[in-house]
Amino acid sequence: MKRISIPDPETFIAGVEDEIFRTREGRYYHRLHVVLHVLRGQSCYEAAKIYGDSPRSVEYWVRRLLTNGLAGLQDRERPGRPSQFPTSHLEKLRNDLLRLPRDLDYDQNLWDGVLLSHHLQKHYGISLGVRQCQRLFHQLGFTLQRPRRQAHEADPLQQEAFKKNSTSG
């Protein structure tokens, strides 16, 4: 059979690997293939080299297969680091965010990550970074949006007329 010429194989390899590791099922099937090579007589080092994994991971997967069967190769739940913000305070914080910051004696009209971080420290005694506060906004169902700025001396009628008569699009 004639060898197929593949232009830029590294790009295709990266795409296929991303697709495999993107889902739980893909990672599970990848482990099945690697372990299958070991079961057919290859060493963990050889299987790891072929599939691009560490030999230690392959040994770990084989041990999990022997002790737990096929279920040992499936992804377990990864809870991650526990939140510093207690879930009991989420509803109270949601009510705070529904109010304007000025109602809570802040000098801003809109909530942002920096202000929420300050608010949590002041009212709840919890120190969270700005990025974590932004994630907390999304967890509570809020989006961080800024209003479009407008010059206060601009005439809205002239602006509308300009938009309708503009030839630039």
N, C-alpha and C. Protein backbone atom coordinates (compact mmCIF):
# COMPACT_ATOMS: atom_id res chain seq x y z
N MET A 1 0.85 -1.18 0.00
CA MET A 1 0.00 0.00 0.00
C MET A 1 0.90 1.24 0.00
N LYS A 2 0.50 2.25 -0.73
CA LYS A 2 1.26 3.48 -0.84
C LYS A 2 1.10 4.34 0.42
N ARG A 3 2.21 4.91 0.88
CA ARG A 3 2.19 5.75 2.07
C ARG A 3 1.49 7.07 1.77
N ILE A 4 0.61 7.50 2.68
CA ILE A 4 -0.14 8.75 2.50
C ILE A 4 0.73 9.91 2.97
N SER A 5 0.78 10.95 2.17
CA SER A 5 1.52 12.15 2.54
C SER A 5 0.57 13.12 3.24
N ILE A 6 0.92 13.48 4.47
CA ILE A 6 0.08 14.38 5.26
C ILE A 6 0.82 15.68 5.46
N PRO A 7 0.28 16.79 4.92
CA PRO A 7 0.93 18.08 5.15
C PRO A 7 0.67 18.56 6.58
N ASP A 8 1.71 19.01 7.24
CA ASP A 8 1.62 19.57 8.60
C ASP A 8 0.94 18.59 9.57
N PRO A 9 1.53 17.42 9.79
CA PRO A 9 0.87 16.42 10.65
C PRO A 9 0.73 16.87 12.11
N GLU A 10 1.62 17.77 12.56
CA GLU A 10 1.55 18.22 13.96
C GLU A 10 0.21 18.89 14.27
N THR A 11 -0.29 19.65 13.31
CA THR A 11 -1.57 20.32 13.49
C THR A 11 -2.70 19.30 13.63
N PHE A 12 -2.67 18.27 12.78
CA PHE A 12 -3.69 17.24 12.86
C PHE A 12 -3.58 16.44 14.15
N ILE A 13 -2.35 16.14 14.57
CA ILE A 13 -2.14 15.41 15.82
C ILE A 13 -2.72 16.19 16.99
N ALA A 14 -2.42 17.47 17.05
CA ALA A 14 -2.93 18.31 18.15
C ALA A 14 -4.45 18.36 18.13
N GLY A 15 -5.05 18.45 16.96
CA GLY A 15 -6.51 18.49 16.85
C GLY A 15 -7.17 17.20 17.30
N VAL A 16 -6.59 16.07 16.89
CA VAL A 16 -7.14 14.78 17.27
C VAL A 16 -6.99 14.55 18.77
N GLU A 17 -5.81 14.89 19.32
CA GLU A 17 -5.61 14.73 20.77
C GLU A 17 -6.57 15.61 21.55
N ASP A 18 -6.77 16.84 21.10
CA ASP A 18 -7.72 17.72 21.77
C ASP A 18 -9.12 17.12 21.77
N GLU A 19 -9.51 16.54 20.65
CA GLU A 19 -10.84 15.93 20.55
C GLU A 19 -10.97 14.73 21.47
N ILE A 20 -9.91 13.93 21.57
CA ILE A 20 -9.95 12.76 22.45
C ILE A 20 -10.07 13.19 23.91
N PHE A 21 -9.27 14.15 24.33
CA PHE A 21 -9.22 14.53 25.74
C PHE A 21 -10.28 15.55 26.14
N ARG A 22 -11.09 16.00 25.19
CA ARG A 22 -12.10 17.01 25.46
C ARG A 22 -13.26 16.45 26.30
N THR A 23 -13.58 15.19 26.14
CA THR A 23 -14.74 14.62 26.82
C THR A 23 -14.32 13.49 27.74
N ARG A 24 -15.17 13.18 28.69
CA ARG A 24 -14.92 12.05 29.59
C ARG A 24 -14.82 10.75 28.80
N GLU A 25 -15.70 10.57 27.82
CA GLU A 25 -15.69 9.34 27.04
C GLU A 25 -14.38 9.20 26.26
N GLY A 26 -13.89 10.31 25.72
CA GLY A 26 -12.65 10.27 24.96
C GLY A 26 -11.47 9.86 25.83
N ARG A 27 -11.40 10.42 27.04
CA ARG A 27 -10.32 10.05 27.96
C ARG A 27 -10.44 8.58 28.37
N TYR A 28 -11.67 8.13 28.57
CA TYR A 28 -11.90 6.73 28.94
C TYR A 28 -11.45 5.80 27.81
N TYR A 29 -11.82 6.08 26.58
CA TYR A 29 -11.43 5.25 25.45
C TYR A 29 -9.91 5.29 25.23
N HIS A 30 -9.30 6.42 25.48
CA HIS A 30 -7.85 6.53 25.37
C HIS A 30 -7.19 5.59 26.38
N ARG A 31 -7.68 5.59 27.62
CA ARG A 31 -7.11 4.70 28.64
C ARG A 31 -7.32 3.23 28.24
N LEU A 32 -8.49 2.94 27.68
CA LEU A 32 -8.75 1.57 27.23
C LEU A 32 -7.72 1.12 26.18
N HIS A 33 -7.42 1.98 25.23
CA HIS A 33 -6.44 1.63 24.19
C HIS A 33 -5.06 1.42 24.78
N VAL A 34 -4.65 2.30 25.69
CA VAL A 34 -3.32 2.18 26.29
C VAL A 34 -3.22 0.89 27.09
N VAL A 35 -4.22 0.62 27.91
CA VAL A 35 -4.21 -0.59 28.75
C VAL A 35 -4.27 -1.84 27.87
N LEU A 36 -4.99 -1.77 26.77
CA LEU A 36 -5.07 -2.91 25.85
C LEU A 36 -3.69 -3.27 25.33
N HIS A 37 -2.86 -2.29 25.03
CA HIS A 37 -1.49 -2.56 24.58
C HIS A 37 -0.70 -3.29 25.66
N VAL A 38 -0.88 -2.89 26.90
CA VAL A 38 -0.18 -3.56 28.00
C VAL A 38 -0.69 -4.99 28.15
N LEU A 39 -2.01 -5.17 28.04
CA LEU A 39 -2.58 -6.51 28.16
C LEU A 39 -2.11 -7.44 27.03
N ARG A 40 -1.76 -6.87 25.90
CA ARG A 40 -1.27 -7.67 24.76
C ARG A 40 0.22 -7.95 24.85
N GLY A 41 0.86 -7.52 25.95
CA GLY A 41 2.26 -7.90 26.16
C GLY A 41 3.27 -6.78 26.13
N GLN A 42 2.87 -5.56 25.78
CA GLN A 42 3.84 -4.48 25.79
C GLN A 42 4.04 -3.99 27.22
N SER A 43 5.18 -3.40 27.47
CA SER A 43 5.42 -2.85 28.80
C SER A 43 4.69 -1.51 28.93
N CYS A 44 4.55 -1.06 30.15
CA CYS A 44 3.92 0.25 30.38
C CYS A 44 4.72 1.35 29.71
N TYR A 45 6.04 1.20 29.67
CA TYR A 45 6.89 2.21 29.05
C TYR A 45 6.66 2.27 27.54
N GLU A 46 6.52 1.10 26.91
CA GLU A 46 6.29 1.07 25.46
C GLU A 46 4.91 1.67 25.13
N ALA A 47 3.90 1.27 25.88
CA ALA A 47 2.55 1.80 25.63
C ALA A 47 2.52 3.31 25.87
N ALA A 48 3.21 3.76 26.91
CA ALA A 48 3.24 5.20 27.21
C ALA A 48 3.92 5.97 26.09
N LYS A 49 4.98 5.41 25.53
CA LYS A 49 5.70 6.08 24.44
C LYS A 49 4.83 6.18 23.20
N ILE A 50 4.10 5.12 22.89
CA ILE A 50 3.23 5.11 21.70
C ILE A 50 2.12 6.14 21.82
N TYR A 51 1.49 6.21 23.00
CA TYR A 51 0.31 7.06 23.17
C TYR A 51 0.61 8.43 23.77
N GLY A 52 1.88 8.67 24.12
CA GLY A 52 2.24 10.00 24.61
C GLY A 52 1.85 10.26 26.06
N ASP A 53 1.77 9.20 26.85
CA ASP A 53 1.45 9.35 28.27
C ASP A 53 2.69 9.05 29.10
N SER A 54 2.61 9.33 30.37
CA SER A 54 3.73 8.98 31.24
C SER A 54 3.61 7.51 31.62
N PRO A 55 4.75 6.84 31.75
CA PRO A 55 4.70 5.43 32.15
C PRO A 55 4.02 5.23 33.51
N ARG A 56 4.18 6.18 34.39
CA ARG A 56 3.56 6.09 35.72
C ARG A 56 2.03 6.11 35.59
N SER A 57 1.50 6.94 34.71
CA SER A 57 0.05 6.98 34.50
C SER A 57 -0.45 5.64 33.98
N VAL A 58 0.30 5.07 33.04
CA VAL A 58 -0.11 3.78 32.47
C VAL A 58 -0.12 2.71 33.54
N GLU A 59 0.92 2.68 34.39
CA GLU A 59 0.95 1.72 35.50
C GLU A 59 -0.25 1.92 36.41
N TYR A 60 -0.57 3.16 36.68
CA TYR A 60 -1.71 3.49 37.54
C TYR A 60 -3.02 2.98 36.93
N TRP A 61 -3.19 3.19 35.61
CA TRP A 61 -4.41 2.74 34.94
C TRP A 61 -4.53 1.21 34.96
N VAL A 62 -3.39 0.51 34.76
CA VAL A 62 -3.42 -0.95 34.78
C VAL A 62 -3.82 -1.43 36.17
N ARG A 63 -3.26 -0.83 37.21
CA ARG A 63 -3.62 -1.22 38.57
C ARG A 63 -5.10 -0.95 38.86
N ARG A 64 -5.60 0.19 38.37
CA ARG A 64 -7.02 0.50 38.57
C ARG A 64 -7.90 -0.51 37.83
N LEU A 65 -7.48 -0.95 36.64
CA LEU A 65 -8.23 -1.96 35.90
C LEU A 65 -8.26 -3.27 36.68
N LEU A 66 -7.11 -3.68 37.24
CA LEU A 66 -7.03 -4.95 37.95
C LEU A 66 -7.84 -4.94 39.25
N THR A 67 -7.89 -3.79 39.91
CA THR A 67 -8.61 -3.75 41.20
C THR A 67 -10.09 -3.43 41.03
N ASN A 68 -10.45 -2.56 40.07
CA ASN A 68 -11.85 -2.10 39.95
C ASN A 68 -12.52 -2.50 38.65
N GLY A 69 -11.83 -3.21 37.78
CA GLY A 69 -12.41 -3.56 36.49
C GLY A 69 -12.45 -2.34 35.57
N LEU A 70 -13.30 -2.40 34.56
CA LEU A 70 -13.39 -1.30 33.59
C LEU A 70 -13.84 0.01 34.23
N ALA A 71 -14.61 -0.08 35.30
CA ALA A 71 -15.06 1.15 35.98
C ALA A 71 -13.87 1.93 36.55
N GLY A 72 -12.76 1.25 36.81
CA GLY A 72 -11.58 1.93 37.34
C GLY A 72 -10.92 2.85 36.33
N LEU A 73 -11.23 2.68 35.06
CA LEU A 73 -10.63 3.53 34.04
C LEU A 73 -11.47 4.77 33.72
N GLN A 74 -12.67 4.82 34.25
CA GLN A 74 -13.52 5.98 33.99
C GLN A 74 -13.13 7.13 34.91
N ASP A 75 -13.40 8.34 34.43
CA ASP A 75 -13.10 9.54 35.23
C ASP A 75 -13.95 9.55 36.48
N ARG A 76 -13.33 9.92 37.56
CA ARG A 76 -14.07 10.11 38.80
C ARG A 76 -14.47 11.58 38.88
N GLU A 77 -15.36 11.86 39.81
CA GLU A 77 -15.79 13.24 40.03
C GLU A 77 -14.61 14.04 40.56
N ARG A 78 -14.41 15.22 40.01
CA ARG A 78 -13.33 16.10 40.46
C ARG A 78 -13.96 17.35 41.08
N PRO A 79 -14.14 17.34 42.38
CA PRO A 79 -14.86 18.45 43.00
C PRO A 79 -14.09 19.76 42.99
N GLY A 80 -12.77 19.70 42.92
CA GLY A 80 -11.98 20.93 42.95
C GLY A 80 -11.87 21.49 44.36
N ARG A 81 -11.27 22.63 44.43
CA ARG A 81 -11.06 23.28 45.71
C ARG A 81 -12.39 23.80 46.23
N PRO A 82 -12.67 23.60 47.53
CA PRO A 82 -13.93 24.13 48.06
C PRO A 82 -13.96 25.65 48.03
N SER A 83 -15.13 26.18 47.82
CA SER A 83 -15.30 27.62 47.75
C SER A 83 -15.08 28.25 49.12
N GLN A 84 -14.46 29.42 49.12
CA GLN A 84 -14.29 30.16 50.37
C GLN A 84 -15.59 30.85 50.77
N PHE A 85 -16.48 31.03 49.80
CA PHE A 85 -17.72 31.72 50.07
C PHE A 85 -18.79 30.69 50.43
N PRO A 86 -19.31 30.72 51.64
CA PRO A 86 -20.30 29.71 52.04
C PRO A 86 -21.59 29.83 51.25
N THR A 87 -22.15 28.70 50.88
CA THR A 87 -23.38 28.70 50.09
C THR A 87 -24.55 29.28 50.86
N SER A 88 -24.46 29.29 52.19
CA SER A 88 -25.54 29.86 53.00
C SER A 88 -25.68 31.37 52.79
N HIS A 89 -24.60 32.03 52.33
CA HIS A 89 -24.63 33.48 52.12
C HIS A 89 -24.99 33.87 50.69
N LEU A 90 -25.14 32.88 49.79
CA LEU A 90 -25.35 33.21 48.37
C LEU A 90 -26.62 34.02 48.14
N GLU A 91 -27.71 33.69 48.80
CA GLU A 91 -28.97 34.41 48.57
C GLU A 91 -28.87 35.84 49.08
N LYS A 92 -28.21 36.03 50.20
CA LYS A 92 -28.03 37.39 50.74
C LYS A 92 -27.16 38.21 49.79
N LEU A 93 -26.10 37.59 49.26
CA LEU A 93 -25.25 38.30 48.31
C LEU A 93 -26.01 38.63 47.03
N ARG A 94 -26.85 37.70 46.56
CA ARG A 94 -27.66 37.97 45.36
C ARG A 94 -28.54 39.20 45.58
N ASN A 95 -29.14 39.29 46.77
CA ASN A 95 -29.96 40.46 47.09
C ASN A 95 -29.13 41.74 47.13
N ASP A 96 -27.90 41.65 47.64
CA ASP A 96 -27.01 42.82 47.63
C ASP A 96 -26.72 43.27 46.20
N LEU A 97 -26.47 42.29 45.31
CA LEU A 97 -26.11 42.63 43.93
C LEU A 97 -27.29 43.16 43.13
N LEU A 98 -28.49 42.83 43.56
CA LEU A 98 -29.66 43.38 42.88
C LEU A 98 -29.87 44.86 43.20
N ARG A 99 -29.25 45.31 44.26
CA ARG A 99 -29.34 46.73 44.64
C ARG A 99 -28.21 47.50 43.96
N LEU A 100 -28.38 48.79 43.81
CA LEU A 100 -27.32 49.62 43.26
C LEU A 100 -26.22 49.77 44.31
N PRO A 101 -24.97 49.82 43.89
CA PRO A 101 -23.89 50.03 44.86
C PRO A 101 -24.05 51.31 45.67
N ARG A 102 -24.64 52.34 45.06
CA ARG A 102 -24.84 53.60 45.79
C ARG A 102 -25.79 53.40 46.98
N ASP A 103 -26.75 52.47 46.86
CA ASP A 103 -27.66 52.18 47.97
C ASP A 103 -26.93 51.57 49.16
N LEU A 104 -25.76 50.98 48.88
CA LEU A 104 -24.96 50.37 49.94
C LEU A 104 -23.78 51.27 50.33
N ASP A 105 -23.89 52.57 50.01
CA ASP A 105 -22.89 53.59 50.37
C ASP A 105 -21.56 53.43 49.66
N TYR A 106 -21.59 52.97 48.40
CA TYR A 106 -20.38 52.95 47.58
C TYR A 106 -20.47 54.10 46.58
N ASP A 107 -19.31 54.51 46.05
CA ASP A 107 -19.25 55.64 45.13
C ASP A 107 -19.40 55.24 43.67
N GLN A 108 -19.91 54.07 43.39
CA GLN A 108 -20.07 53.61 42.01
C GLN A 108 -21.54 53.36 41.73
N ASN A 109 -21.86 53.35 40.43
CA ASN A 109 -23.22 53.03 40.01
C ASN A 109 -23.37 51.57 39.62
N LEU A 110 -22.26 50.91 39.27
CA LEU A 110 -22.30 49.55 38.75
C LEU A 110 -21.38 48.63 39.55
N TRP A 111 -21.80 47.38 39.64
CA TRP A 111 -20.96 46.39 40.30
C TRP A 111 -19.87 45.91 39.34
N ASP A 112 -18.68 45.68 39.86
CA ASP A 112 -17.61 45.04 39.11
C ASP A 112 -16.84 44.15 40.07
N GLY A 113 -15.84 43.44 39.56
CA GLY A 113 -15.09 42.51 40.39
C GLY A 113 -14.37 43.17 41.54
N VAL A 114 -13.81 44.34 41.30
CA VAL A 114 -13.07 45.05 42.35
C VAL A 114 -14.02 45.46 43.48
N LEU A 115 -15.16 46.02 43.12
CA LEU A 115 -16.12 46.45 44.14
C LEU A 115 -16.70 45.25 44.90
N LEU A 116 -16.98 44.16 44.19
CA LEU A 116 -17.50 42.98 44.87
C LEU A 116 -16.47 42.41 45.84
N SER A 117 -15.21 42.41 45.44
CA SER A 117 -14.15 41.94 46.33
C SER A 117 -14.12 42.78 47.61
N HIS A 118 -14.20 44.09 47.44
CA HIS A 118 -14.22 45.00 48.60
C HIS A 118 -15.46 44.75 49.46
N HIS A 119 -16.61 44.58 48.81
CA HIS A 119 -17.88 44.35 49.52
C HIS A 119 -17.82 43.06 50.34
N LEU A 120 -17.27 42.00 49.75
CA LEU A 120 -17.17 40.73 50.47
C LEU A 120 -16.26 40.84 51.69
N GLN A 121 -15.17 41.58 51.52
CA GLN A 121 -14.26 41.77 52.65
C GLN A 121 -14.93 42.59 53.76
N LYS A 122 -15.63 43.64 53.37
CA LYS A 122 -16.24 44.54 54.34
C LYS A 122 -17.43 43.93 55.07
N HIS A 123 -18.32 43.26 54.33
CA HIS A 123 -19.58 42.79 54.93
C HIS A 123 -19.57 41.31 55.33
N TYR A 124 -18.70 40.51 54.72
CA TYR A 124 -18.72 39.08 54.99
C TYR A 124 -17.40 38.59 55.60
N GLY A 125 -16.37 39.45 55.59
CA GLY A 125 -15.07 39.05 56.12
C GLY A 125 -14.37 38.00 55.27
N ILE A 126 -14.69 37.97 53.98
CA ILE A 126 -14.12 36.98 53.06
C ILE A 126 -13.26 37.71 52.04
N SER A 127 -12.03 37.23 51.87
CA SER A 127 -11.11 37.85 50.93
C SER A 127 -11.05 37.02 49.65
N LEU A 128 -11.63 37.55 48.57
CA LEU A 128 -11.57 36.89 47.27
C LEU A 128 -10.93 37.83 46.27
N GLY A 129 -10.18 37.27 45.34
CA GLY A 129 -9.58 38.07 44.28
C GLY A 129 -10.63 38.54 43.29
N VAL A 130 -10.23 39.48 42.46
CA VAL A 130 -11.15 40.07 41.48
C VAL A 130 -11.68 39.00 40.52
N ARG A 131 -10.79 38.12 40.04
CA ARG A 131 -11.23 37.09 39.08
C ARG A 131 -12.23 36.14 39.73
N GLN A 132 -12.00 35.77 40.99
CA GLN A 132 -12.95 34.91 41.69
C GLN A 132 -14.29 35.61 41.87
N CYS A 133 -14.26 36.90 42.09
CA CYS A 133 -15.51 37.67 42.22
C CYS A 133 -16.26 37.69 40.89
N GLN A 134 -15.52 37.78 39.79
CA GLN A 134 -16.17 37.75 38.49
C GLN A 134 -16.83 36.39 38.26
N ARG A 135 -16.17 35.32 38.69
CA ARG A 135 -16.78 34.00 38.58
C ARG A 135 -18.02 33.90 39.46
N LEU A 136 -17.97 34.53 40.62
CA LEU A 136 -19.11 34.52 41.54
C LEU A 136 -20.31 35.23 40.90
N PHE A 137 -20.05 36.33 40.17
CA PHE A 137 -21.12 37.00 39.43
C PHE A 137 -21.82 36.00 38.51
N HIS A 138 -21.04 35.27 37.72
CA HIS A 138 -21.61 34.32 36.76
C HIS A 138 -22.32 33.18 37.47
N GLN A 139 -21.76 32.72 38.59
CA GLN A 139 -22.39 31.65 39.36
C GLN A 139 -23.79 32.07 39.84
N LEU A 140 -23.93 33.35 40.16
CA LEU A 140 -25.21 33.87 40.63
C LEU A 140 -26.14 34.28 39.48
N GLY A 141 -25.67 34.13 38.24
CA GLY A 141 -26.52 34.42 37.08
C GLY A 141 -26.42 35.85 36.58
N PHE A 142 -25.43 36.61 37.04
CA PHE A 142 -25.25 37.98 36.58
C PHE A 142 -24.20 38.01 35.48
N THR A 143 -24.28 39.04 34.63
CA THR A 143 -23.24 39.27 33.62
C THR A 143 -22.64 40.63 33.87
N LEU A 144 -21.35 40.72 33.60
CA LEU A 144 -20.65 41.99 33.77
C LEU A 144 -20.75 42.77 32.47
N GLN A 145 -21.60 43.76 32.46
CA GLN A 145 -21.78 44.58 31.27
C GLN A 145 -21.66 46.04 31.66
N ARG A 146 -21.12 46.79 30.77
CA ARG A 146 -20.99 48.23 30.98
C ARG A 146 -21.91 48.95 29.98
N PRO A 147 -22.56 50.01 30.40
CA PRO A 147 -23.39 50.76 29.44
C PRO A 147 -22.50 51.48 28.44
N ARG A 148 -23.03 51.67 27.26
CA ARG A 148 -22.31 52.40 26.23
C ARG A 148 -22.21 53.86 26.63
N ARG A 149 -21.01 54.39 26.58
CA ARG A 149 -20.81 55.78 26.99
C ARG A 149 -21.35 56.74 25.93
N GLN A 150 -21.92 57.84 26.40
CA GLN A 150 -22.42 58.88 25.51
C GLN A 150 -22.00 60.24 26.06
N ALA A 151 -21.66 61.11 25.17
CA ALA A 151 -21.32 62.47 25.60
C ALA A 151 -22.58 63.15 26.12
N HIS A 152 -22.50 63.76 27.29
CA HIS A 152 -23.71 64.33 27.89
C HIS A 152 -24.20 65.58 27.14
N GLU A 153 -23.31 66.23 26.37
CA GLU A 153 -23.76 67.41 25.65
C GLU A 153 -24.23 67.08 24.23
N ALA A 154 -24.19 65.80 23.85
CA ALA A 154 -24.58 65.41 22.50
C ALA A 154 -26.10 65.53 22.33
N ASP A 155 -26.50 65.93 21.12
CA ASP A 155 -27.92 66.05 20.80
C ASP A 155 -28.39 64.73 20.18
N PRO A 156 -29.28 64.00 20.84
CA PRO A 156 -29.72 62.71 20.32
C PRO A 156 -30.37 62.79 18.93
N LEU A 157 -31.06 63.88 18.64
CA LEU A 157 -31.70 64.03 17.32
C LEU A 157 -30.67 64.16 16.22
N GLN A 158 -29.62 64.93 16.48
CA GLN A 158 -28.56 65.08 15.48
C GLN A 158 -27.80 63.75 15.30
N GLN A 159 -27.63 63.02 16.37
CA GLN A 159 -26.95 61.72 16.26
C GLN A 159 -27.77 60.76 15.40
N GLU A 160 -29.07 60.70 15.61
CA GLU A 160 -29.94 59.83 14.82
C GLU A 160 -29.92 60.24 13.36
N ALA A 161 -29.99 61.54 13.09
CA ALA A 161 -29.96 62.03 11.71
C ALA A 161 -28.64 61.65 11.04
N PHE A 162 -27.55 61.74 11.78
CA PHE A 162 -26.24 61.38 11.24
C PHE A 162 -26.20 59.89 10.90
N LYS A 163 -26.74 59.04 11.76
CA LYS A 163 -26.75 57.60 11.52
C LYS A 163 -27.56 57.26 10.28
N LYS A 164 -28.70 57.93 10.11
CA LYS A 164 -29.56 57.63 8.95
C LYS A 164 -28.95 58.13 7.65
N ASN A 165 -28.23 59.25 7.69
CA ASN A 165 -27.70 59.85 6.49
C ASN A 165 -26.25 59.46 6.21
N SER A 166 -25.64 58.72 7.09
CA SER A 166 -24.23 58.36 6.93
C SER A 166 -24.06 57.39 5.77
N THR A 167 -23.03 57.62 4.97
CA THR A 167 -22.74 56.74 3.82
C THR A 167 -21.68 55.71 4.17
N SER A 168 -21.07 55.83 5.34
CA SER A 168 -19.98 54.91 5.69
C SER A 168 -20.50 53.58 6.28
N GLY A 169 -21.77 53.42 6.40
CA GLY A 169 -22.26 52.13 6.85
C GLY A 169 -23.12 52.28 8.03
